[in-house]
Structures are given as C-alpha cells and as structure tokens.
Amino acid sequence: MLERLDRTTRMRLLRVLAAAAWVDGEVQDSERTFMQKLLEKLPLSPEERTAALGYLDAPPHPAEADPTKIPPEHREALVKLVWQIIGADGKVSEDELSAVKDLEELLLG
C-alpha cells in the first residue's frame, strides 16, 4: 500500500509513524528496527530514507506530523502501522495506548 502513495503523502505518513514512536519520550531499538524494515520495502530515494530515519533521532515537528493530512483512504493503514510500531518492543505504555486510541478516534471516528 505505501509503495503506491505519492512522495508527499508517503513522507507525511512516515513522520506520523515516527511521532508515534516518540510518544513515550524515546524510540526503542525494536521501533527503529520496525521502521528500518518498513523503509526497505518502499521506493525511497537515499535522501528520503535518510530523512525518514532522522525522524527517529529527533521527533518531527508536530505540524509536519499532522495525521489529519493523511488522505482518508490511507488512514486505516496508518493506524495499523502505528499499532505495530508502538507494540514492536513488546509493551505498550499508557501514553502510547492513549495516543493511539486518540488517533483512531480522530482518523476513523
């Protein structure tokens, strides 16, 4: 699905995904590994790949990670990816759980 997105939407989605990894204040190694594996599957330029990985070194600015800018037809996939990245470390914190539930409500109603 992500490989069919236009570049702008794909990068926006990756910023939202990275922001979700930062919800608990740090990116776990397992979350970083999840993102790296996801990026390997996408048609990204070296600059895009570097930028996407950079979002794991420092959280993207909230305005750049606005989930409401994701087209409606891709929002369910985004929510599924967010669940996967926050669960990649085998535990979901209260902050992460709350954030994903809020994201689901915001995007899926």
PDB file of N, CA and C in Angstrom:
ATOM      1  N   MET A   1       0.807  -1.195   0.000  1.00  0.00           N
ATOM      2  CA  MET A   1       0.000   0.000   0.000  1.00  0.00           C
ATOM      3  C   MET A   1       0.855   1.266   0.000  1.00  0.00           C
ATOM      4  N   LEU A   2       1.836   1.336   0.867  1.00  0.00           N
ATOM      5  CA  LEU A   2       2.661   2.541   0.961  1.00  0.00           C
ATOM      6  C   LEU A   2       3.454   2.822  -0.301  1.00  0.00           C
ATOM      7  N   GLU A   3       3.832   1.766  -0.999  1.00  0.00           N
ATOM      8  CA  GLU A   3       4.628   1.970  -2.208  1.00  0.00           C
ATOM      9  C   GLU A   3       3.831   2.680  -3.297  1.00  0.00           C
ATOM     10  N   ARG A   4       2.498   2.675  -3.189  1.00  0.00           N
ATOM     11  CA  ARG A   4       1.658   3.327  -4.203  1.00  0.00           C
ATOM     12  C   ARG A   4       1.326   4.774  -3.849  1.00  0.00           C
ATOM     13  N   LEU A   5       1.731   5.222  -2.694  1.00  0.00           N
ATOM     14  CA  LEU A   5       1.472   6.599  -2.284  1.00  0.00           C
ATOM     15  C   LEU A   5       2.390   7.562  -3.026  1.00  0.00           C
ATOM     16  N   ASP A   6       1.909   8.782  -3.229  1.00  0.00           N
ATOM     17  CA  ASP A   6       2.802   9.794  -3.780  1.00  0.00           C
ATOM     18  C   ASP A   6       3.837  10.149  -2.710  1.00  0.00           C
ATOM     19  N   ARG A   7       4.925  10.736  -3.138  1.00  0.00           N
ATOM     20  CA  ARG A   7       6.049  11.008  -2.248  1.00  0.00           C
ATOM     21  C   ARG A   7       5.634  11.839  -1.034  1.00  0.00           C
ATOM     22  N   THR A   8       4.863  12.901  -1.253  1.00  0.00           N
ATOM     23  CA  THR A   8       4.468  13.790  -0.163  1.00  0.00           C
ATOM     24  C   THR A   8       3.663  13.044   0.891  1.00  0.00           C
ATOM     25  N   THR A   9       2.691  12.265   0.447  1.00  0.00           N
ATOM     26  CA  THR A   9       1.853  11.516   1.383  1.00  0.00           C
ATOM     27  C   THR A   9       2.667  10.452   2.101  1.00  0.00           C
ATOM     28  N   ARG A  10       3.538   9.771   1.381  1.00  0.00           N
ATOM     29  CA  ARG A  10       4.372   8.720   1.992  1.00  0.00           C
ATOM     30  C   ARG A  10       5.263   9.315   3.084  1.00  0.00           C
ATOM     31  N   MET A  11       5.899  10.433   2.805  1.00  0.00           N
ATOM     32  CA  MET A  11       6.786  11.041   3.799  1.00  0.00           C
ATOM     33  C   MET A  11       5.980  11.572   4.984  1.00  0.00           C
ATOM     34  N   ARG A  12       4.801  12.118   4.730  1.00  0.00           N
ATOM     35  CA  ARG A  12       3.939  12.589   5.817  1.00  0.00           C
ATOM     36  C   ARG A  12       3.563  11.414   6.717  1.00  0.00           C
ATOM     37  N   LEU A  13       3.193  10.291   6.106  1.00  0.00           N
ATOM     38  CA  LEU A  13       2.831   9.101   6.871  1.00  0.00           C
ATOM     39  C   LEU A  13       4.011   8.614   7.707  1.00  0.00           C
ATOM     40  N   LEU A  14       5.197   8.633   7.145  1.00  0.00           N
ATOM     41  CA  LEU A  14       6.384   8.199   7.890  1.00  0.00           C
ATOM     42  C   LEU A  14       6.678   9.136   9.059  1.00  0.00           C
ATOM     43  N   ARG A  15       6.403  10.429   8.894  1.00  0.00           N
ATOM     44  CA  ARG A  15       6.586  11.371  10.012  1.00  0.00           C
ATOM     45  C   ARG A  15       5.587  11.073  11.126  1.00  0.00           C
ATOM     46  N   VAL A  16       4.335  10.793  10.767  1.00  0.00           N
ATOM     47  CA  VAL A  16       3.333  10.456  11.783  1.00  0.00           C
ATOM     48  C   VAL A  16       3.739   9.175  12.504  1.00  0.00           C
ATOM     49  N   LEU A  17       4.209   8.205  11.748  1.00  0.00           N
ATOM     50  CA  LEU A  17       4.643   6.939  12.339  1.00  0.00           C
ATOM     51  C   LEU A  17       5.805   7.150  13.304  1.00  0.00           C
ATOM     52  N   ALA A  18       6.767   7.969  12.905  1.00  0.00           N
ATOM     53  CA  ALA A  18       7.898   8.273  13.788  1.00  0.00           C
ATOM     54  C   ALA A  18       7.433   9.021  15.028  1.00  0.00           C
ATOM     55  N   ALA A  19       6.501   9.949  14.867  1.00  0.00           N
ATOM     56  CA  ALA A  19       5.980  10.686  16.016  1.00  0.00           C
ATOM     57  C   ALA A  19       5.327   9.728  17.007  1.00  0.00           C
ATOM     58  N   ALA A  20       4.663   8.706  16.494  1.00  0.00           N
ATOM     59  CA  ALA A  20       4.056   7.703  17.378  1.00  0.00           C
ATOM     60  C   ALA A  20       5.131   6.964  18.166  1.00  0.00           C
ATOM     61  N   ALA A  21       6.256   6.686  17.537  1.00  0.00           N
ATOM     62  CA  ALA A  21       7.350   6.007  18.237  1.00  0.00           C
ATOM     63  C   ALA A  21       7.901   6.877  19.366  1.00  0.00           C
ATOM     64  N   TRP A  22       7.754   8.191  19.245  1.00  0.00           N
ATOM     65  CA  TRP A  22       8.274   9.126  20.241  1.00  0.00           C
ATOM     66  C   TRP A  22       7.302   9.405  21.379  1.00  0.00           C
ATOM     67  N   VAL A  23       6.077   8.877  21.320  1.00  0.00           N
ATOM     68  CA  VAL A  23       5.039   9.217  22.309  1.00  0.00           C
ATOM     69  C   VAL A  23       5.513   9.015  23.747  1.00  0.00           C
ATOM     70  N   ASP A  24       6.265   7.950  23.987  1.00  0.00           N
ATOM     71  CA  ASP A  24       6.717   7.689  25.359  1.00  0.00           C
ATOM     72  C   ASP A  24       8.042   8.384  25.679  1.00  0.00           C
ATOM     73  N   GLY A  25       8.491   9.256  24.781  1.00  0.00           N
ATOM     74  CA  GLY A  25       9.687  10.060  25.049  1.00  0.00           C
ATOM     75  C   GLY A  25      10.982   9.508  24.510  1.00  0.00           C
ATOM     76  N   GLU A  26      10.950   8.282  23.993  1.00  0.00           N
ATOM     77  CA  GLU A  26      12.157   7.708  23.402  1.00  0.00           C
ATOM     78  C   GLU A  26      11.775   6.656  22.365  1.00  0.00           C
ATOM     79  N   VAL A  27      12.678   6.449  21.424  1.00  0.00           N
ATOM     80  CA  VAL A  27      12.469   5.436  20.392  1.00  0.00           C
ATOM     81  C   VAL A  27      13.274   4.204  20.798  1.00  0.00           C
ATOM     82  N   GLN A  28      12.572   3.103  20.979  1.00  0.00           N
ATOM     83  CA  GLN A  28      13.215   1.838  21.345  1.00  0.00           C
ATOM     84  C   GLN A  28      13.911   1.234  20.119  1.00  0.00           C
ATOM     85  N   ASP A  29      14.915   0.398  20.360  1.00  0.00           N
ATOM     86  CA  ASP A  29      15.611  -0.264  19.256  1.00  0.00           C
ATOM     87  C   ASP A  29      14.641  -1.054  18.389  1.00  0.00           C
ATOM     88  N   SER A  30      13.669  -1.710  19.004  1.00  0.00           N
ATOM     89  CA  SER A  30      12.712  -2.508  18.237  1.00  0.00           C
ATOM     90  C   SER A  30      11.824  -1.626  17.354  1.00  0.00           C
ATOM     91  N   GLU A  31      11.523  -0.423  17.810  1.00  0.00           N
ATOM     92  CA  GLU A  31      10.744   0.509  16.993  1.00  0.00           C
ATOM     93  C   GLU A  31      11.578   0.991  15.815  1.00  0.00           C
ATOM     94  N   ARG A  32      12.850   1.244  16.073  1.00  0.00           N
ATOM     95  CA  ARG A  32      13.768   1.652  14.999  1.00  0.00           C
ATOM     96  C   ARG A  32      13.902   0.523  13.969  1.00  0.00           C
ATOM     97  N   THR A  33      14.025  -0.700  14.433  1.00  0.00           N
ATOM     98  CA  THR A  33      14.129  -1.853  13.531  1.00  0.00           C
ATOM     99  C   THR A  33      12.864  -1.992  12.691  1.00  0.00           C
ATOM    100  N   PHE A  34      11.704  -1.810  13.320  1.00  0.00           N
ATOM    101  CA  PHE A  34      10.441  -1.870  12.583  1.00  0.00           C
ATOM    102  C   PHE A  34      10.446  -0.848  11.446  1.00  0.00           C
ATOM    103  N   MET A  35      10.842   0.392  11.757  1.00  0.00           N
ATOM    104  CA  MET A  35      10.858   1.446  10.747  1.00  0.00           C
ATOM    105  C   MET A  35      11.862   1.126   9.644  1.00  0.00           C
ATOM    106  N   GLN A  36      13.033   0.620  10.007  1.00  0.00           N
ATOM    107  CA  GLN A  36      14.034   0.283   9.001  1.00  0.00           C
ATOM    108  C   GLN A  36      13.515  -0.795   8.044  1.00  0.00           C
ATOM    109  N   LYS A  37      12.849  -1.811   8.589  1.00  0.00           N
ATOM    110  CA  LYS A  37      12.300  -2.876   7.743  1.00  0.00           C
ATOM    111  C   LYS A  37      11.203  -2.335   6.841  1.00  0.00           C
ATOM    112  N   LEU A  38      10.398  -1.440   7.358  1.00  0.00           N
ATOM    113  CA  LEU A  38       9.351  -0.825   6.552  1.00  0.00           C
ATOM    114  C   LEU A  38       9.969  -0.014   5.413  1.00  0.00           C
ATOM    115  N   LEU A  39      11.001   0.749   5.713  1.00  0.00           N
ATOM    116  CA  LEU A  39      11.647   1.581   4.702  1.00  0.00           C
ATOM    117  C   LEU A  39      12.289   0.747   3.597  1.00  0.00           C
ATOM    118  N   GLU A  40      12.770  -0.447   3.942  1.00  0.00           N
ATOM    119  CA  GLU A  40      13.373  -1.329   2.932  1.00  0.00           C
ATOM    120  C   GLU A  40      12.368  -1.745   1.874  1.00  0.00           C
ATOM    121  N   LYS A  41      11.089  -1.734   2.214  1.00  0.00           N
ATOM    122  CA  LYS A  41      10.042  -2.172   1.293  1.00  0.00           C
ATOM    123  C   LYS A  41       9.536  -1.045   0.391  1.00  0.00           C
ATOM    124  N   LEU A  42       9.970   0.173   0.663  1.00  0.00           N
ATOM    125  CA  LEU A  42       9.426   1.321  -0.052  1.00  0.00           C
ATOM    126  C   LEU A  42      10.374   1.863  -1.107  1.00  0.00           C
ATOM    127  N   PRO A  43       9.803   2.405  -2.181  1.00  0.00           N
ATOM    128  CA  PRO A  43      10.630   3.026  -3.217  1.00  0.00           C
ATOM    129  C   PRO A  43      11.036   4.441  -2.796  1.00  0.00           C
ATOM    130  N   LEU A  44      12.089   4.520  -2.003  1.00  0.00           N
ATOM    131  CA  LEU A  44      12.561   5.805  -1.497  1.00  0.00           C
ATOM    132  C   LEU A  44      13.917   6.147  -2.081  1.00  0.00           C
ATOM    133  N   SER A  45      14.140   7.422  -2.283  1.00  0.00           N
ATOM    134  CA  SER A  45      15.469   7.871  -2.675  1.00  0.00           C
ATOM    135  C   SER A  45      16.358   7.801  -1.433  1.00  0.00           C
ATOM    136  N   PRO A  46      17.668   7.825  -1.609  1.00  0.00           N
ATOM    137  CA  PRO A  46      18.552   7.832  -0.437  1.00  0.00           C
ATOM    138  C   PRO A  46      18.261   9.008   0.501  1.00  0.00           C
ATOM    139  N   GLU A  47      17.914  10.171  -0.063  1.00  0.00           N
ATOM    140  CA  GLU A  47      17.617  11.339   0.761  1.00  0.00           C
ATOM    141  C   GLU A  47      16.340  11.128   1.578  1.00  0.00           C
ATOM    142  N   GLU A  48      15.331  10.517   0.961  1.00  0.00           N
ATOM    143  CA  GLU A  48      14.080  10.247   1.674  1.00  0.00           C
ATOM    144  C   GLU A  48      14.300   9.237   2.795  1.00  0.00           C
ATOM    145  N   ARG A  49      15.085   8.213   2.521  1.00  0.00           N
ATOM    146  CA  ARG A  49      15.378   7.195   3.530  1.00  0.00           C
ATOM    147  C   ARG A  49      16.128   7.827   4.719  1.00  0.00           C
ATOM    148  N   THR A  50      17.099   8.666   4.420  1.00  0.00           N
ATOM    149  CA  THR A  50      17.857   9.352   5.466  1.00  0.00           C
ATOM    150  C   THR A  50      16.944  10.253   6.292  1.00  0.00           C
ATOM    151  N   ALA A  51      16.060  10.976   5.606  1.00  0.00           N
ATOM    152  CA  ALA A  51      15.119  11.856   6.310  1.00  0.00           C
ATOM    153  C   ALA A  51      14.201  11.045   7.216  1.00  0.00           C
ATOM    154  N   ALA A  52      13.665   9.944   6.713  1.00  0.00           N
ATOM    155  CA  ALA A  52      12.750   9.109   7.489  1.00  0.00           C
ATOM    156  C   ALA A  52      13.441   8.543   8.725  1.00  0.00           C
ATOM    157  N   LEU A  53      14.669   8.087   8.584  1.00  0.00           N
ATOM    158  CA  LEU A  53      15.406   7.573   9.738  1.00  0.00           C
ATOM    159  C   LEU A  53      15.752   8.702  10.709  1.00  0.00           C
ATOM    160  N   GLY A  54      15.936   9.893  10.179  1.00  0.00           N
ATOM    161  CA  GLY A  54      16.229  11.049  11.029  1.00  0.00           C
ATOM    162  C   GLY A  54      15.083  11.381  11.974  1.00  0.00           C
ATOM    163  N   TYR A  55      13.862  11.066  11.574  1.00  0.00           N
ATOM    164  CA  TYR A  55      12.706  11.306  12.449  1.00  0.00           C
ATOM    165  C   TYR A  55      12.782  10.444  13.706  1.00  0.00           C
ATOM    166  N   LEU A  56      13.594   9.407  13.680  1.00  0.00           N
ATOM    167  CA  LEU A  56      13.766   8.564  14.865  1.00  0.00           C
ATOM    168  C   LEU A  56      14.880   9.091  15.772  1.00  0.00           C
ATOM    169  N   ASP A  57      15.702   9.999  15.239  1.00  0.00           N
ATOM    170  CA  ASP A  57      16.761  10.605  16.043  1.00  0.00           C
ATOM    171  C   ASP A  57      16.259  11.836  16.784  1.00  0.00           C
ATOM    172  N   ALA A  58      15.323  12.524  16.171  1.00  0.00           N
ATOM    173  CA  ALA A  58      14.685  13.694  16.777  1.00  0.00           C
ATOM    174  C   ALA A  58      13.251  13.713  16.279  1.00  0.00           C
ATOM    175  N   PRO A  59      12.295  13.881  17.166  1.00  0.00           N
ATOM    176  CA  PRO A  59      10.899  13.809  16.730  1.00  0.00           C
ATOM    177  C   PRO A  59      10.568  14.883  15.701  1.00  0.00           C
ATOM    178  N   PRO A  60       9.735  14.529  14.731  1.00  0.00           N
ATOM    179  CA  PRO A  60       9.324  15.534  13.751  1.00  0.00           C
ATOM    180  C   PRO A  60       8.481  16.616  14.428  1.00  0.00           C
ATOM    181  N   HIS A  61       8.532  17.812  13.870  1.00  0.00           N
ATOM    182  CA  HIS A  61       7.717  18.912  14.383  1.00  0.00           C
ATOM    183  C   HIS A  61       6.245  18.521  14.260  1.00  0.00           C
ATOM    184  N   PRO A  62       5.429  18.820  15.273  1.00  0.00           N
ATOM    185  CA  PRO A  62       4.015  18.422  15.219  1.00  0.00           C
ATOM    186  C   PRO A  62       3.282  18.852  13.953  1.00  0.00           C
ATOM    187  N   ALA A  63       3.601  20.023  13.435  1.00  0.00           N
ATOM    188  CA  ALA A  63       2.932  20.477  12.207  1.00  0.00           C
ATOM    189  C   ALA A  63       3.283  19.597  11.009  1.00  0.00           C
ATOM    190  N   GLU A  64       4.449  18.981  11.054  1.00  0.00           N
ATOM    191  CA  GLU A  64       4.878  18.098   9.960  1.00  0.00           C
ATOM    192  C   GLU A  64       4.334  16.690  10.118  1.00  0.00           C
ATOM    193  N   ALA A  65       3.772  16.379  11.275  1.00  0.00           N
ATOM    194  CA  ALA A  65       3.273  15.026  11.543  1.00  0.00           C
ATOM    195  C   ALA A  65       1.769  15.056  11.840  1.00  0.00           C
ATOM    196  N   ASP A  66       1.060  15.923  11.138  1.00  0.00           N
ATOM    197  CA  ASP A  66      -0.381  16.072  11.340  1.00  0.00           C
ATOM    198  C   ASP A  66      -1.113  14.913  10.664  1.00  0.00           C
ATOM    199  N   PRO A  67      -1.680  14.009  11.445  1.00  0.00           N
ATOM    200  CA  PRO A  67      -2.326  12.837  10.844  1.00  0.00           C
ATOM    201  C   PRO A  67      -3.573  13.170  10.039  1.00  0.00           C
ATOM    202  N   THR A  68      -4.170  14.326  10.281  1.00  0.00           N
ATOM    203  CA  THR A  68      -5.375  14.682   9.521  1.00  0.00           C
ATOM    204  C   THR A  68      -5.052  15.032   8.068  1.00  0.00           C
ATOM    205  N   LYS A  69      -3.775  15.200   7.769  1.00  0.00           N
ATOM    206  CA  LYS A  69      -3.374  15.473   6.382  1.00  0.00           C
ATOM    207  C   LYS A  69      -3.180  14.191   5.576  1.00  0.00           C
ATOM    208  N   ILE A  70      -3.311  13.049   6.227  1.00  0.00           N
ATOM    209  CA  ILE A  70      -3.253  11.762   5.519  1.00  0.00           C
ATOM    210  C   ILE A  70      -4.599  11.586   4.815  1.00  0.00           C
ATOM    211  N   PRO A  71      -4.587  11.264   3.524  1.00  0.00           N
ATOM    212  CA  PRO A  71      -5.857  11.072   2.810  1.00  0.00           C
ATOM    213  C   PRO A  71      -6.716   9.997   3.489  1.00  0.00           C
ATOM    214  N   PRO A  72      -8.017  10.204   3.510  1.00  0.00           N
ATOM    215  CA  PRO A  72      -8.922   9.268   4.196  1.00  0.00           C
ATOM    216  C   PRO A  72      -8.737   7.806   3.790  1.00  0.00           C
ATOM    217  N   GLU A  73      -8.443   7.556   2.539  1.00  0.00           N
ATOM    218  CA  GLU A  73      -8.309   6.169   2.082  1.00  0.00           C
ATOM    219  C   GLU A  73      -7.069   5.465   2.629  1.00  0.00           C
ATOM    220  N   HIS A  74      -6.157   6.214   3.271  1.00  0.00           N
ATOM    221  CA  HIS A  74      -4.930   5.625   3.815  1.00  0.00           C
ATOM    222  C   HIS A  74      -4.874   5.663   5.346  1.00  0.00           C
ATOM    223  N   ARG A  75      -5.910   6.176   5.965  1.00  0.00           N
ATOM    224  CA  ARG A  75      -5.892   6.365   7.412  1.00  0.00           C
ATOM    225  C   ARG A  75      -5.954   5.042   8.179  1.00  0.00           C
ATOM    226  N   GLU A  76      -6.718   4.098   7.710  1.00  0.00           N
ATOM    227  CA  GLU A  76      -6.792   2.814   8.410  1.00  0.00           C
ATOM    228  C   GLU A  76      -5.431   2.120   8.392  1.00  0.00           C
ATOM    229  N   ALA A  77      -4.756   2.171   7.251  1.00  0.00           N
ATOM    230  CA  ALA A  77      -3.412   1.573   7.154  1.00  0.00           C
ATOM    231  C   ALA A  77      -2.448   2.276   8.109  1.00  0.00           C
ATOM    232  N   LEU A  78      -2.554   3.598   8.213  1.00  0.00           N
ATOM    233  CA  LEU A  78      -1.696   4.343   9.137  1.00  0.00           C
ATOM    234  C   LEU A  78      -1.922   3.882  10.574  1.00  0.00           C
ATOM    235  N   VAL A  79      -3.169   3.770  10.977  1.00  0.00           N
ATOM    236  CA  VAL A  79      -3.467   3.351  12.345  1.00  0.00           C
ATOM    237  C   VAL A  79      -2.897   1.955  12.606  1.00  0.00           C
ATOM    238  N   LYS A  80      -3.023   1.058  11.642  1.00  0.00           N
ATOM    239  CA  LYS A  80      -2.464  -0.290  11.804  1.00  0.00           C
ATOM    240  C   LYS A  80      -0.944  -0.237  11.971  1.00  0.00           C
ATOM    241  N   LEU A  81      -0.281   0.598  11.179  1.00  0.00           N
ATOM    242  CA  LEU A  81       1.172   0.734  11.298  1.00  0.00           C
ATOM    243  C   LEU A  81       1.568   1.334  12.647  1.00  0.00           C
ATOM    244  N   VAL A  82       0.787   2.288  13.124  1.00  0.00           N
ATOM    245  CA  VAL A  82       1.083   2.886  14.427  1.00  0.00           C
ATOM    246  C   VAL A  82       0.977   1.830  15.523  1.00  0.00           C
ATOM    247  N   TRP A  83      -0.079   1.009  15.486  1.00  0.00           N
ATOM    248  CA  TRP A  83      -0.185  -0.082  16.469  1.00  0.00           C
ATOM    249  C   TRP A  83       1.047  -0.983  16.402  1.00  0.00           C
ATOM    250  N   GLN A  84       1.507  -1.268  15.177  1.00  0.00           N
ATOM    251  CA  GLN A  84       2.658  -2.160  15.022  1.00  0.00           C
ATOM    252  C   GLN A  84       3.936  -1.543  15.572  1.00  0.00           C
ATOM    253  N   ILE A  85       4.163  -0.265  15.293  1.00  0.00           N
ATOM    254  CA  ILE A  85       5.421   0.331  15.749  1.00  0.00           C
ATOM    255  C   ILE A  85       5.428   0.511  17.265  1.00  0.00           C
ATOM    256  N   ILE A  86       4.301   0.898  17.861  1.00  0.00           N
ATOM    257  CA  ILE A  86       4.333   1.076  19.316  1.00  0.00           C
ATOM    258  C   ILE A  86       4.377  -0.258  20.050  1.00  0.00           C
ATOM    259  N   GLY A  87       3.923  -1.312  19.391  1.00  0.00           N
ATOM    260  CA  GLY A  87       3.977  -2.638  20.005  1.00  0.00           C
ATOM    261  C   GLY A  87       5.235  -3.407  19.674  1.00  0.00           C
ATOM    262  N   ALA A  88       6.107  -2.804  18.885  1.00  0.00           N
ATOM    263  CA  ALA A  88       7.315  -3.505  18.435  1.00  0.00           C
ATOM    264  C   ALA A  88       8.222  -3.916  19.586  1.00  0.00           C
ATOM    265  N   ASP A  89       8.173  -3.183  20.689  1.00  0.00           N
ATOM    266  CA  ASP A  89       9.040  -3.514  21.822  1.00  0.00           C
ATOM    267  C   ASP A  89       8.383  -4.494  22.791  1.00  0.00           C
ATOM    268  N   GLY A  90       7.184  -4.970  22.441  1.00  0.00           N
ATOM    269  CA  GLY A  90       6.522  -5.968  23.268  1.00  0.00           C
ATOM    270  C   GLY A  90       5.711  -5.399  24.415  1.00  0.00           C
ATOM    271  N   LYS A  91       5.716  -4.094  24.561  1.00  0.00           N
ATOM    272  CA  LYS A  91       4.907  -3.479  25.615  1.00  0.00           C
ATOM    273  C   LYS A  91       4.376  -2.141  25.107  1.00  0.00           C
ATOM    274  N   VAL A  92       3.176  -1.815  25.548  1.00  0.00           N
ATOM    275  CA  VAL A  92       2.536  -0.563  25.158  1.00  0.00           C
ATOM    276  C   VAL A  92       2.283   0.236  26.434  1.00  0.00           C
ATOM    277  N   SER A  93       2.889   1.399  26.520  1.00  0.00           N
ATOM    278  CA  SER A  93       2.719   2.240  27.706  1.00  0.00           C
ATOM    279  C   SER A  93       1.327   2.873  27.697  1.00  0.00           C
ATOM    280  N   GLU A  94       0.936   3.395  28.842  1.00  0.00           N
ATOM    281  CA  GLU A  94      -0.354   4.090  28.944  1.00  0.00           C
ATOM    282  C   GLU A  94      -0.401   5.274  27.985  1.00  0.00           C
ATOM    283  N   ASP A  95       0.712   6.000  27.880  1.00  0.00           N
ATOM    284  CA  ASP A  95       0.769   7.141  26.961  1.00  0.00           C
ATOM    285  C   ASP A  95       0.590   6.692  25.516  1.00  0.00           C
ATOM    286  N   GLU A  96       1.247   5.596  25.160  1.00  0.00           N
ATOM    287  CA  GLU A  96       1.123   5.079  23.796  1.00  0.00           C
ATOM    288  C   GLU A  96      -0.303   4.620  23.516  1.00  0.00           C
ATOM    289  N   LEU A  97      -0.877   3.881  24.450  1.00  0.00           N
ATOM    290  CA  LEU A  97      -2.239   3.389  24.296  1.00  0.00           C
ATOM    291  C   LEU A  97      -3.218   4.552  24.117  1.00  0.00           C
ATOM    292  N   SER A  98      -3.095   5.543  24.955  1.00  0.00           N
ATOM    293  CA  SER A  98      -3.959   6.710  24.877  1.00  0.00           C
ATOM    294  C   SER A  98      -3.791   7.443  23.546  1.00  0.00           C
ATOM    295  N   ALA A  99      -2.550   7.608  23.115  1.00  0.00           N
ATOM    296  CA  ALA A  99      -2.276   8.314  21.860  1.00  0.00           C
ATOM    297  C   ALA A  99      -2.872   7.577  20.665  1.00  0.00           C
ATOM    298  N   VAL A 100      -2.752   6.258  20.643  1.00  0.00           N
ATOM    299  CA  VAL A 100      -3.281   5.504  19.501  1.00  0.00           C
ATOM    300  C   VAL A 100      -4.803   5.504  19.509  1.00  0.00           C
ATOM    301  N   LYS A 101      -5.383   5.404  20.677  1.00  0.00           N
ATOM    302  CA  LYS A 101      -6.845   5.471  20.750  1.00  0.00           C
ATOM    303  C   LYS A 101      -7.346   6.840  20.289  1.00  0.00           C
ATOM    304  N   ASP A 102      -6.641   7.886  20.680  1.00  0.00           N
ATOM    305  CA  ASP A 102      -6.998   9.229  20.215  1.00  0.00           C
ATOM    306  C   ASP A 102      -6.838   9.335  18.697  1.00  0.00           C
ATOM    307  N   LEU A 103      -5.769   8.736  18.174  1.00  0.00           N
ATOM    308  CA  LEU A 103      -5.529   8.762  16.722  1.00  0.00           C
ATOM    309  C   LEU A 103      -6.655   8.015  15.996  1.00  0.00           C
ATOM    310  N   GLU A 104      -7.032   6.864  16.512  1.00  0.00           N
ATOM    311  CA  GLU A 104      -8.136   6.106  15.910  1.00  0.00           C
ATOM    312  C   GLU A 104      -9.413   6.922  15.885  1.00  0.00           C
ATOM    313  N   GLU A 105      -9.706   7.563  16.990  1.00  0.00           N
ATOM    314  CA  GLU A 105     -10.928   8.370  17.076  1.00  0.00           C
ATOM    315  C   GLU A 105     -10.868   9.538  16.088  1.00  0.00           C
ATOM    316  N   LEU A 106      -9.723  10.189  16.019  1.00  0.00           N
ATOM    317  CA  LEU A 106      -9.541  11.323  15.135  1.00  0.00           C
ATOM    318  C   LEU A 106      -9.682  10.932  13.657  1.00  0.00           C
ATOM    319  N   LEU A 107      -9.029   9.837  13.290  1.00  0.00           N
ATOM    320  CA  LEU A 107      -8.969   9.458  11.870  1.00  0.00           C
ATOM    321  C   LEU A 107     -10.082   8.543  11.406  1.00  0.00           C
ATOM    322  N   LEU A 108     -10.560   7.687  12.300  1.00  0.00           N
ATOM    323  CA  LEU A 108     -11.531   6.671  11.874  1.00  0.00           C
ATOM    324  C   LEU A 108     -12.926   6.894  12.459  1.00  0.00           C
ATOM    325  N   GLY A 109     -13.007   7.778  13.451  1.00  0.00           N
ATOM    326  CA  GLY A 109     -14.317   8.091  14.040  1.00  0.00           C
ATOM    327  C   GLY A 109     -14.820   7.098  15.042  1.00  0.00           C
TER     328      GLY A 109
END
